[in-house]
Structures are given as structure tokens and as C-alpha cells.
């Protein structure tokens, strides 16, 4: 029974803790290797799946894979993350990538989603949101 529980826990938790540690020290190759050990991300628990997608989005961003980063951040925003700030960071990342790719309507929609969390995020995150809104307004005038 214990072996079955260990196997079940492995599929529900994965190697995210290891991947997270590698990501925070900017060892992206080891981060990718740890994330790739997770065969079926859809089997991760709800809390872990969001964090998996969040880390994978950051990894894609570091590798200049903006399409992949956008996709992973979109998925991450659908799951609970560690904090409201992380959730808003996923939304802001999608908005930022959308602006860079010229999809201003999508960026506007994701920035509107951040409005409900405005009082709960850090001042730095509010500043990032404000900057993106200004850039979006500037683009819409052109």
C-alpha cells in the first residue's frame, strides 16, 4: 500500500520542487530536465499544475519562445498559484507578450482581468500594470 501511495504522490506532485529550485538559481537546463520528467502534467494536482505552467512559461520566456510562454502563462492563470501576485504576474505576462506580438485586444482583456486584484498586489506589480496600460493606450492612438 505504501508503494502505491508513493507512486500516486509522485504523479500528483511531480518534480516541481526540484525544478523550482533550479529555476530560482537560473539553471534553465536543469529546470527543463526536471519539468520534462513530468510525463503527464494534467495528472498533477490543481495547485501543482498552475505552478508547473508558471515555471514552464518563465522557462520559455528565458529561451525567447514567446508563443510557448504565452500559452503556458494562459494555462497557469486558470489554476490557483502560490499568491495573488503570482496569479497577476501570469496575467500580466500574457498581456505583455500579446502587446509585443501586436494582439492588443487580447492584451487589453488580460489587463482588465488584473483590475480585480489591484489592491492585493505589490506596488511593483501595480507599476508594471500601469506601464502596460500606458503602452496599450499609446499603441491604440497610432
Protein backbone atom coordinates (compact mmCIF):
# COMPACT_ATOMS: atom_id res chain seq x y z
CA UNK A 1 0.00 0.00 0.00
CA UNK A 2 2.85 2.38 0.85
CA UNK A 3 4.45 1.88 -2.57
CA UNK A 4 1.16 2.68 -4.28
CA UNK A 5 0.85 5.88 -2.22
CA UNK A 6 4.41 6.90 -3.13
CA UNK A 7 3.74 6.34 -6.83
CA UNK A 8 0.44 8.22 -6.60
CA UNK A 9 2.14 11.12 -4.82
CA UNK A 10 4.84 11.24 -7.48
CA UNK A 11 2.25 11.62 -10.21
CA UNK A 12 0.30 14.24 -8.23
CA UNK A 13 3.32 16.28 -7.10
CA UNK A 14 5.95 15.60 -9.75
CA UNK A 15 9.42 17.11 -9.68
CA UNK A 16 8.24 20.69 -9.31
CA UNK A 17 10.18 21.42 -6.14
CA UNK A 18 13.42 20.45 -7.85
CA UNK A 19 12.51 22.41 -11.00
CA UNK A 20 11.61 25.43 -8.90
CA UNK A 21 14.96 25.38 -7.10
CA UNK A 22 16.83 25.19 -10.41
CA UNK A 23 14.70 27.98 -11.90
CA UNK A 24 15.35 30.33 -8.99
CA UNK A 25 19.12 29.92 -9.38
CA UNK A 26 18.74 30.46 -13.14
CA UNK A 27 19.86 26.96 -14.13
CA UNK A 28 17.44 26.66 -17.02
CA UNK A 29 18.79 23.42 -18.46
CA UNK A 30 18.23 21.57 -15.18
CA UNK A 31 14.83 23.27 -14.84
CA UNK A 32 13.81 21.94 -18.24
CA UNK A 33 15.12 18.48 -17.39
CA UNK A 34 13.12 18.42 -14.15
CA UNK A 35 9.95 19.63 -15.85
CA UNK A 36 10.37 17.12 -18.66
CA UNK A 37 10.39 14.31 -16.09
CA UNK A 38 6.71 15.04 -15.54
CA UNK A 39 5.15 12.78 -18.14
CA UNK A 40 1.54 13.94 -17.83
CA UNK A 41 1.18 17.47 -16.40
CA UNK A 42 -2.60 17.07 -16.49
CA UNK A 43 -2.24 14.46 -13.72
CA UNK A 44 -0.67 16.98 -11.34
CA UNK A 45 -2.82 18.30 -8.51
CA UNK A 46 -4.60 21.60 -9.19
CA UNK A 47 -2.15 23.62 -7.10
CA UNK A 48 0.86 21.97 -8.71
CA UNK A 49 -0.43 22.25 -12.28
CA UNK A 50 -0.64 26.03 -12.10
CA UNK A 51 2.87 26.27 -10.71
CA UNK A 52 4.15 23.84 -13.38
CA UNK A 53 2.71 26.04 -16.13
CA UNK A 54 4.03 29.21 -14.44
CA UNK A 55 7.59 27.85 -14.27
CA UNK A 56 7.36 26.48 -17.80
CA UNK A 57 6.17 29.89 -19.02
CA UNK A 58 9.17 31.53 -17.38
CA UNK A 59 11.47 28.95 -18.94
CA UNK A 60 10.01 29.61 -22.39
CA UNK A 61 10.38 33.34 -21.84
CA UNK A 62 14.07 32.90 -20.98
CA UNK A 63 14.53 30.91 -24.17
CA UNK A 64 12.79 33.60 -26.26
CA UNK A 65 9.92 31.21 -27.10
CA UNK A 66 7.20 33.83 -26.74
CA UNK A 67 4.43 31.70 -28.22
CA UNK A 68 5.15 28.88 -25.76
CA UNK A 69 5.46 31.32 -22.85
CA UNK A 70 2.12 32.91 -23.71
CA UNK A 71 0.42 29.51 -23.85
CA UNK A 72 1.87 28.34 -20.53
CA UNK A 73 1.05 31.59 -18.73
CA UNK A 74 -2.52 31.42 -20.04
CA UNK A 75 -2.89 27.94 -18.60
CA UNK A 76 -1.22 28.97 -15.33
CA UNK A 77 -3.73 31.81 -14.91
CA UNK A 78 -6.55 29.24 -14.90
CA UNK A 79 -5.19 27.46 -11.82
CA UNK A 80 -4.52 28.59 -8.26
CA UNK A 81 -0.97 29.80 -7.74
CA UNK A 82 1.04 30.46 -4.57
CA UNK A 83 -0.18 34.02 -4.20
CA UNK A 84 -2.37 36.65 -5.82
CA UNK A 85 0.80 38.35 -7.00
CA UNK A 86 1.86 35.21 -8.90
CA UNK A 87 -1.60 34.96 -10.46
CA UNK A 88 -1.45 38.58 -11.58
CA UNK A 89 2.11 38.03 -12.84
CA UNK A 90 0.81 35.28 -15.13
CA UNK A 91 -1.95 37.58 -16.42
CA UNK A 92 0.49 40.47 -16.91
CA UNK A 93 2.94 38.21 -18.73
CA UNK A 94 0.26 37.18 -21.22
CA UNK A 95 -0.68 40.85 -21.70
CA UNK A 96 2.94 41.88 -22.18
CA UNK A 97 3.63 39.14 -24.74
CA UNK A 98 0.38 39.97 -26.54
CA UNK A 99 1.41 43.62 -26.83
CA UNK A 100 4.80 42.61 -28.22
CA UNK A 101 3.10 40.33 -30.75
CA UNK A 102 0.60 43.04 -31.78
CA UNK A 103 -2.50 41.41 -30.29
CA UNK A 104 -3.78 44.49 -28.46
CA UNK A 105 -7.32 43.24 -27.84
CA UNK A 106 -6.04 40.19 -26.01
CA UNK A 107 -3.62 42.33 -24.00
CA UNK A 108 -6.45 44.67 -23.03
CA UNK A 109 -8.62 41.73 -21.93
CA UNK A 110 -5.86 40.28 -19.73
CA UNK A 111 -5.08 43.66 -18.20
CA UNK A 112 -8.77 44.04 -17.36
CA UNK A 113 -8.59 40.72 -15.51
CA UNK A 114 -5.90 42.21 -13.24
CA UNK A 115 -8.21 45.04 -12.12
CA UNK A 116 -9.99 42.87 -9.55
CA UNK A 117 -6.67 42.18 -7.78
CA UNK A 118 -5.26 45.71 -7.89
CA UNK A 119 -5.46 46.26 -4.12
CA UNK A 120 -3.94 42.87 -3.29
CA UNK A 121 -0.74 43.02 -5.38
CA UNK A 122 2.59 44.64 -4.64
CA UNK A 123 3.38 48.21 -5.62
CA UNK A 124 5.89 46.95 -8.16
CA UNK A 125 3.22 44.84 -9.87
CA UNK A 126 0.81 47.81 -9.91
CA UNK A 127 3.55 49.83 -11.59
CA UNK A 128 4.05 47.13 -14.25
CA UNK A 129 0.30 47.03 -14.91
CA UNK A 130 0.21 50.81 -15.20
CA UNK A 131 3.13 50.83 -17.64
CA UNK A 132 1.48 48.20 -19.82
CA UNK A 133 -1.80 50.13 -19.81
CA UNK A 134 0.05 53.27 -20.91
CA UNK A 135 1.79 51.36 -23.68
CA UNK A 136 -1.52 49.91 -24.79
CA UNK A 137 -3.10 53.39 -24.90
CA UNK A 138 -0.14 54.68 -26.89
CA UNK A 139 -0.50 51.83 -29.40
CA UNK A 140 -4.25 52.40 -29.76
CA UNK A 141 -3.69 56.07 -30.66
CA UNK A 142 -1.38 55.16 -33.55
